[in-house]
Amino acid sequence: MIDASTYSIEIRKGNFEGELCFQARVKEIPYLEEYADTYEEAYALVIDSIEQTAMEMAAMNKAMPAPIESVEDYSGRVTLRLPKTLHAYLSKHADREEVSLNQLLVTALADFRGFDAAHISSRDWYMPDVAVYGSPKGHVERKISKHTNLKVVGAQHYVSAA
């Protein structure tokens, strides 16, 4: 049996379909919503719905979404080993942008995961290179790379189009 209270439950008071009441939602199960006149009733209803959903999914041999882990379980500190050339490149890039190396890496990781979608994208920091290759049969292929120091592997398949 699951512990329904470990799920991410959001309860808010609002006007829903013309009625002032409390809405209870579960982040892990987006389609699950309950409405009640009081906070306590909404909480009790959503706990019951989580348990019912778990039983129904088990009966259908489907996996119940797991509760989201609490961020309090993480310190926010990561030790990262980089090749010296990458470390030097990133440090110089951070200096040009007038930010710390830590901030550059946090922004790049957040951008990768989509956390900073509302802000100016850090993708603008990278200058995309467009390489044009021609195959021996005349086929032209364009390859866009955000990494200026990448080399083409398998050059026997492509010849420079220039």
Protein backbone atom coordinates (compact mmCIF):
# COMPACT_ATOMS: atom_id res chain seq x y z
CA MET A 1 0.00 0.00 0.00
CA ILE A 2 1.22 3.52 -0.73
CA ASP A 3 1.44 6.46 1.64
CA ALA A 4 -0.74 9.04 -0.11
CA SER A 5 0.52 11.84 2.13
CA THR A 6 4.00 11.63 0.52
CA TYR A 7 2.65 12.98 -2.78
CA SER A 8 2.94 16.65 -3.79
CA ILE A 9 -0.51 17.99 -2.93
CA GLU A 10 -1.44 21.58 -3.69
CA ILE A 11 -4.61 23.01 -2.16
CA ARG A 12 -5.82 26.47 -3.06
CA LYS A 13 -8.97 28.46 -2.56
CA GLY A 14 -10.50 29.95 -5.67
CA ASN A 15 -13.46 30.44 -7.93
CA PHE A 16 -13.85 27.26 -9.95
CA GLU A 17 -16.63 27.13 -12.52
CA GLY A 18 -18.42 29.94 -10.72
CA GLU A 19 -18.16 28.40 -7.27
CA LEU A 20 -15.89 29.53 -4.41
CA CYS A 21 -14.24 26.41 -3.00
CA PHE A 22 -10.94 24.62 -2.35
CA GLN A 23 -9.20 22.75 -5.15
CA ALA A 24 -6.76 19.94 -4.31
CA ARG A 25 -4.35 18.79 -7.01
CA VAL A 26 -1.55 16.22 -7.13
CA LYS A 27 1.59 17.17 -9.05
CA GLU A 28 2.55 13.56 -9.82
CA ILE A 29 -0.96 12.74 -11.13
CA PRO A 30 -1.99 15.81 -13.20
CA TYR A 31 -5.49 14.59 -14.00
CA LEU A 32 -6.41 14.12 -10.33
CA GLU A 33 -8.34 17.06 -8.84
CA GLU A 34 -10.78 17.27 -5.97
CA TYR A 35 -13.04 20.14 -4.85
CA ALA A 36 -14.54 20.81 -1.42
CA ASP A 37 -15.95 23.56 0.78
CA THR A 38 -13.08 23.42 3.29
CA TYR A 39 -9.33 22.88 3.16
CA GLU A 40 -9.60 19.80 5.36
CA GLU A 41 -12.31 18.21 3.18
CA ALA A 42 -10.28 18.85 0.01
CA TYR A 43 -7.21 17.25 1.60
CA ALA A 44 -9.17 14.19 2.78
CA LEU A 45 -10.76 13.79 -0.67
CA VAL A 46 -7.48 13.99 -2.53
CA ILE A 47 -5.79 11.51 -0.15
CA ASP A 48 -8.66 9.09 -0.79
CA SER A 49 -8.39 9.67 -4.56
CA ILE A 50 -4.66 8.95 -4.54
CA GLU A 51 -5.28 5.66 -2.71
CA GLN A 52 -8.14 4.76 -5.10
CA THR A 53 -5.96 5.57 -8.11
CA ALA A 54 -3.18 3.35 -6.75
CA MET A 55 -5.60 0.44 -6.28
CA GLU A 56 -7.07 0.87 -9.78
CA MET A 57 -3.63 1.05 -11.38
CA ALA A 58 -2.49 -2.03 -9.48
CA ALA A 59 -5.59 -3.89 -10.68
CA MET A 60 -4.63 -2.98 -14.27
CA ASN A 61 -0.99 -4.00 -13.64
CA LYS A 62 0.17 -0.42 -14.24
CA ALA A 63 2.81 1.43 -12.26
CA MET A 64 1.69 4.22 -9.97
CA PRO A 65 3.74 7.43 -10.38
CA ALA A 66 6.21 7.73 -7.52
CA PRO A 67 6.15 10.73 -5.19
CA ILE A 68 8.57 13.50 -6.14
CA GLU A 69 11.69 13.50 -3.99
CA SER A 70 12.08 16.44 -1.67
CA VAL A 71 14.83 18.93 -2.58
CA GLU A 72 15.77 19.03 1.09
CA ASP A 73 17.45 15.67 0.46
CA TYR A 74 20.05 17.47 -1.69
CA SER A 75 22.75 19.92 -0.60
CA GLY A 76 23.05 21.74 -3.93
CA ARG A 77 26.76 21.02 -3.99
CA VAL A 78 28.38 18.91 -6.73
CA THR A 79 32.05 18.20 -7.31
CA LEU A 80 32.81 18.01 -10.99
CA ARG A 81 36.03 16.88 -12.68
CA LEU A 82 36.69 18.42 -16.11
CA PRO A 83 39.45 18.00 -18.65
CA LYS A 84 41.92 20.88 -18.26
CA THR A 85 41.20 22.21 -21.75
CA LEU A 86 37.44 22.33 -21.09
CA HIS A 87 38.02 23.97 -17.70
CA ALA A 88 40.22 26.63 -19.33
CA TYR A 89 37.70 27.24 -22.13
CA LEU A 90 34.76 27.59 -19.73
CA SER A 91 36.73 29.84 -17.36
CA LYS A 92 37.70 32.18 -20.20
CA HIS A 93 34.11 32.19 -21.44
CA ALA A 94 32.84 33.06 -17.96
CA ASP A 95 35.38 35.91 -17.74
CA ARG A 96 34.18 37.31 -21.09
CA GLU A 97 30.58 37.16 -19.85
CA GLU A 98 31.62 38.72 -16.51
CA VAL A 99 30.11 35.89 -14.48
CA SER A 100 31.63 33.26 -12.22
CA LEU A 101 32.43 29.84 -13.61
CA ASN A 102 29.86 28.43 -11.17
CA GLN A 103 27.15 30.76 -12.52
CA LEU A 104 28.04 29.88 -16.12
CA LEU A 105 27.73 26.16 -15.37
CA VAL A 106 24.48 26.57 -13.38
CA THR A 107 22.96 28.62 -16.22
CA ALA A 108 24.07 26.10 -18.85
CA LEU A 109 22.64 23.19 -16.85
CA ALA A 110 19.39 25.05 -16.14
CA ASP A 111 19.07 25.88 -19.83
CA PHE A 112 19.65 22.24 -20.73
CA ARG A 113 16.82 21.16 -18.41
CA GLY A 114 14.56 24.07 -19.36
CA PHE A 115 14.47 25.68 -15.90
CA ASP A 116 15.16 29.16 -17.22
CA ALA A 117 12.64 29.17 -20.07
CA ALA A 118 11.31 32.59 -19.02
CA HIS A 119 14.75 34.22 -19.18
CA ILE A 120 17.08 35.02 -22.03
CA SER A 121 18.48 31.74 -23.20
CA SER A 122 22.10 30.98 -22.48
CA ARG A 123 22.13 29.31 -25.90
CA ASP A 124 23.06 32.77 -27.17
CA TRP A 125 26.46 32.31 -25.51
CA TYR A 126 27.41 29.61 -27.97
CA MET A 127 28.30 30.53 -31.52
CA PRO A 128 26.94 27.78 -33.77
CA ASP A 129 29.26 26.57 -36.51
CA VAL A 130 27.76 25.39 -39.77
CA ALA A 131 29.88 22.86 -41.60
CA VAL A 132 28.92 21.86 -45.12
CA TYR A 133 29.98 18.44 -46.36
CA GLY A 134 29.61 16.90 -49.78
CA SER A 135 29.48 13.15 -50.24
CA PRO A 136 31.30 11.43 -53.12
CA LYS A 137 27.88 11.07 -54.81
CA GLY A 138 27.22 14.83 -54.69
CA HIS A 139 24.86 14.84 -51.68
CA VAL A 140 25.32 17.97 -49.57
CA GLU A 141 24.84 17.80 -45.82
CA ARG A 142 24.89 20.69 -43.36
CA LYS A 143 25.89 20.00 -39.81
CA ILE A 144 25.23 22.61 -37.12
CA SER A 145 27.41 22.29 -34.06
CA LYS A 146 27.48 24.43 -30.94
CA HIS A 147 30.97 23.21 -30.15
CA THR A 148 33.72 24.95 -32.07
CA ASN A 149 36.40 22.41 -31.17
CA LEU A 150 34.65 19.24 -32.39
CA LYS A 151 36.26 17.25 -35.18
CA VAL A 152 34.46 15.14 -37.76
CA VAL A 153 35.03 11.44 -37.17
CA GLY A 154 34.82 9.10 -40.11
CA ALA A 155 36.14 11.59 -42.66
CA GLN A 156 36.38 8.82 -45.22
CA HIS A 157 32.62 9.25 -45.71
CA TYR A 158 32.66 13.02 -46.22
CA VAL A 159 34.82 15.39 -48.20
CA SER A 160 34.92 19.14 -47.83
CA ALA A 161 32.32 20.86 -50.00
CA ALA A 162 34.45 24.01 -50.24
